[in-house]
Amino acid sequence: MRRVCFLLKVKADRLDEYRARHTEVWAEMLDALRATGWHNYSLFVADDGLLVGYFETPDLAAALDGMAATDVNARWQREMAEFFTGLDGGAPDAGIAALTEVFHLD
């Protein structure tokens, strides 16, 4: 299982709404994530908008490609794009650049 960690930046003036949207993630989005190999997926956001994402997957390319092929992901990404800075018009999931893991306790 590969551990994946990534960073994005949420617009400071949209933090409250961004947090609220994630209290009610669509059931079909959750089902699609599970079906395409996203496990133990978590998002953390700081008060300045720094977003840290973490998930585990057996195959990162397959997990990203699998979600990209779903209609629900396209809809979710369109709705979420307005919350982020630095995407140059791209979808938030296109901005996932995995950080290099340098230590893991286990």
C-alpha atoms as a PDB file:
ATOM      1  CA  MET A   1       0.000   0.000   0.000  1.00  0.00           C
ATOM      2  CA  ARG A   2       1.446   3.379  -0.958  1.00  0.00           C
ATOM      3  CA  ARG A   3       0.946   6.355   1.356  1.00  0.00           C
ATOM      4  CA  VAL A   4       0.239   9.596  -0.522  1.00  0.00           C
ATOM      5  CA  CYS A   5       0.407  13.079   0.983  1.00  0.00           C
ATOM      6  CA  PHE A   6      -0.293  16.261  -0.971  1.00  0.00           C
ATOM      7  CA  LEU A   7      -0.764  19.989  -0.397  1.00  0.00           C
ATOM      8  CA  LEU A   8      -3.246  22.477  -1.825  1.00  0.00           C
ATOM      9  CA  LYS A   9      -4.216  26.009  -0.802  1.00  0.00           C
ATOM     10  CA  VAL A  10      -7.811  26.951   0.048  1.00  0.00           C
ATOM     11  CA  LYS A  11      -8.740  30.616  -0.311  1.00  0.00           C
ATOM     12  CA  ALA A  12      -8.802  32.113   3.180  1.00  0.00           C
ATOM     13  CA  ASP A  13     -12.169  33.784   2.602  1.00  0.00           C
ATOM     14  CA  ARG A  14     -13.729  30.423   1.585  1.00  0.00           C
ATOM     15  CA  LEU A  15     -12.475  28.279   4.484  1.00  0.00           C
ATOM     16  CA  ASP A  16     -15.743  28.123   6.408  1.00  0.00           C
ATOM     17  CA  GLU A  17     -17.725  27.036   3.356  1.00  0.00           C
ATOM     18  CA  TYR A  18     -15.016  24.562   2.325  1.00  0.00           C
ATOM     19  CA  ARG A  19     -15.159  22.954   5.763  1.00  0.00           C
ATOM     20  CA  ALA A  20     -18.961  22.868   5.659  1.00  0.00           C
ATOM     21  CA  ARG A  21     -19.002  21.180   2.242  1.00  0.00           C
ATOM     22  CA  HIS A  22     -16.862  18.377   3.604  1.00  0.00           C
ATOM     23  CA  THR A  23     -19.311  17.589   6.387  1.00  0.00           C
ATOM     24  CA  GLU A  24     -21.716  16.435   3.672  1.00  0.00           C
ATOM     25  CA  VAL A  25     -19.638  14.757   0.953  1.00  0.00           C
ATOM     26  CA  TRP A  26     -21.966  13.078  -1.530  1.00  0.00           C
ATOM     27  CA  ALA A  27     -22.478   9.363  -0.877  1.00  0.00           C
ATOM     28  CA  GLU A  28     -21.768   8.565  -4.534  1.00  0.00           C
ATOM     29  CA  MET A  29     -18.437  10.426  -4.268  1.00  0.00           C
ATOM     30  CA  LEU A  30     -17.467   8.393  -1.211  1.00  0.00           C
ATOM     31  CA  ASP A  31     -18.460   5.186  -3.027  1.00  0.00           C
ATOM     32  CA  ALA A  32     -16.384   6.162  -6.081  1.00  0.00           C
ATOM     33  CA  LEU A  33     -13.312   6.899  -3.961  1.00  0.00           C
ATOM     34  CA  ARG A  34     -13.539   3.520  -2.264  1.00  0.00           C
ATOM     35  CA  ALA A  35     -14.183   1.695  -5.539  1.00  0.00           C
ATOM     36  CA  THR A  36     -11.148   3.249  -7.232  1.00  0.00           C
ATOM     37  CA  GLY A  37      -8.653   2.357  -4.523  1.00  0.00           C
ATOM     38  CA  TRP A  38      -8.581   5.358  -2.166  1.00  0.00           C
ATOM     39  CA  HIS A  39      -8.186   4.154   1.422  1.00  0.00           C
ATOM     40  CA  ASN A  40      -7.739   5.953   4.733  1.00  0.00           C
ATOM     41  CA  TYR A  41      -8.353   9.292   2.966  1.00  0.00           C
ATOM     42  CA  SER A  42      -8.126  12.383   5.169  1.00  0.00           C
ATOM     43  CA  LEU A  43      -8.014  16.126   4.608  1.00  0.00           C
ATOM     44  CA  PHE A  44      -6.617  18.623   7.099  1.00  0.00           C
ATOM     45  CA  VAL A  45      -6.794  22.396   6.717  1.00  0.00           C
ATOM     46  CA  ALA A  46      -5.014  25.150   8.627  1.00  0.00           C
ATOM     47  CA  ASP A  47      -6.535  28.544   9.392  1.00  0.00           C
ATOM     48  CA  ASP A  48      -4.368  30.109   6.648  1.00  0.00           C
ATOM     49  CA  GLY A  49      -5.862  27.739   4.053  1.00  0.00           C
ATOM     50  CA  LEU A  50      -3.021  25.229   3.783  1.00  0.00           C
ATOM     51  CA  LEU A  51      -4.682  21.909   2.968  1.00  0.00           C
ATOM     52  CA  VAL A  52      -2.908  18.624   3.622  1.00  0.00           C
ATOM     53  CA  GLY A  53      -4.395  15.536   2.030  1.00  0.00           C
ATOM     54  CA  TYR A  54      -3.454  11.961   2.848  1.00  0.00           C
ATOM     55  CA  PHE A  55      -4.602   8.628   1.483  1.00  0.00           C
ATOM     56  CA  GLU A  56      -3.340   5.124   0.906  1.00  0.00           C
ATOM     57  CA  THR A  57      -3.650   3.212  -2.341  1.00  0.00           C
ATOM     58  CA  PRO A  58      -2.119   0.151  -3.945  1.00  0.00           C
ATOM     59  CA  ASP A  59      -1.617   2.101  -7.202  1.00  0.00           C
ATOM     60  CA  LEU A  60      -1.584   5.916  -7.331  1.00  0.00           C
ATOM     61  CA  ALA A  61      -1.968   6.184 -11.105  1.00  0.00           C
ATOM     62  CA  ALA A  62      -4.891   3.742 -11.095  1.00  0.00           C
ATOM     63  CA  ALA A  63      -6.568   5.589  -8.193  1.00  0.00           C
ATOM     64  CA  LEU A  64      -6.273   8.967  -9.953  1.00  0.00           C
ATOM     65  CA  ASP A  65      -7.274   7.580 -13.355  1.00  0.00           C
ATOM     66  CA  GLY A  66     -10.184   5.661 -11.850  1.00  0.00           C
ATOM     67  CA  MET A  67     -11.617   8.787 -10.258  1.00  0.00           C
ATOM     68  CA  ALA A  68     -10.986  10.864 -13.384  1.00  0.00           C
ATOM     69  CA  ALA A  69     -13.191   8.431 -15.300  1.00  0.00           C
ATOM     70  CA  THR A  70     -16.224   8.975 -13.047  1.00  0.00           C
ATOM     71  CA  ASP A  71     -18.966  11.508 -13.631  1.00  0.00           C
ATOM     72  CA  VAL A  72     -19.336  12.193  -9.910  1.00  0.00           C
ATOM     73  CA  ASN A  73     -15.684  13.226  -9.659  1.00  0.00           C
ATOM     74  CA  ALA A  74     -16.043  15.643 -12.578  1.00  0.00           C
ATOM     75  CA  ARG A  75     -19.042  17.259 -10.866  1.00  0.00           C
ATOM     76  CA  TRP A  76     -17.313  17.414  -7.467  1.00  0.00           C
ATOM     77  CA  GLN A  77     -14.105  18.879  -8.919  1.00  0.00           C
ATOM     78  CA  ARG A  78     -16.066  21.588 -10.780  1.00  0.00           C
ATOM     79  CA  GLU A  79     -17.790  22.600  -7.548  1.00  0.00           C
ATOM     80  CA  MET A  80     -14.588  22.537  -5.471  1.00  0.00           C
ATOM     81  CA  ALA A  81     -12.297  24.354  -7.940  1.00  0.00           C
ATOM     82  CA  GLU A  82     -13.530  27.789  -6.848  1.00  0.00           C
ATOM     83  CA  PHE A  83     -12.206  27.189  -3.313  1.00  0.00           C
ATOM     84  CA  PHE A  84      -8.530  26.873  -4.286  1.00  0.00           C
ATOM     85  CA  THR A  85      -5.692  29.154  -5.325  1.00  0.00           C
ATOM     86  CA  GLY A  86      -2.914  28.295  -7.743  1.00  0.00           C
ATOM     87  CA  LEU A  87      -4.765  25.829  -9.959  1.00  0.00           C
ATOM     88  CA  ASP A  88      -4.678  27.994 -13.102  1.00  0.00           C
ATOM     89  CA  GLY A  89      -8.172  26.855 -14.074  1.00  0.00           C
ATOM     90  CA  GLY A  90      -7.474  23.169 -13.438  1.00  0.00           C
ATOM     91  CA  ALA A  91      -9.386  20.796 -11.235  1.00  0.00           C
ATOM     92  CA  PRO A  92      -8.200  20.363  -7.645  1.00  0.00           C
ATOM     93  CA  ASP A  93      -7.393  16.681  -8.171  1.00  0.00           C
ATOM     94  CA  ALA A  94      -5.157  17.636 -11.109  1.00  0.00           C
ATOM     95  CA  GLY A  95      -3.114  19.614  -8.582  1.00  0.00           C
ATOM     96  CA  ILE A  96      -2.209  16.534  -6.564  1.00  0.00           C
ATOM     97  CA  ALA A  97       1.558  16.258  -6.536  1.00  0.00           C
ATOM     98  CA  ALA A  98       2.548  13.613  -4.035  1.00  0.00           C
ATOM     99  CA  LEU A  99       5.150  14.659  -1.498  1.00  0.00           C
ATOM    100  CA  THR A 100       8.190  12.452  -0.995  1.00  0.00           C
ATOM    101  CA  GLU A 101       7.961  10.337   2.134  1.00  0.00           C
ATOM    102  CA  VAL A 102      11.150  10.565   4.183  1.00  0.00           C
ATOM    103  CA  PHE A 103      10.112   8.704   7.335  1.00  0.00           C
ATOM    104  CA  HIS A 104       7.452   6.298   8.535  1.00  0.00           C
ATOM    105  CA  LEU A 105       7.395   4.846  12.064  1.00  0.00           C
ATOM    106  CA  ASP A 106       6.209   1.394  11.078  1.00  0.00           C
END
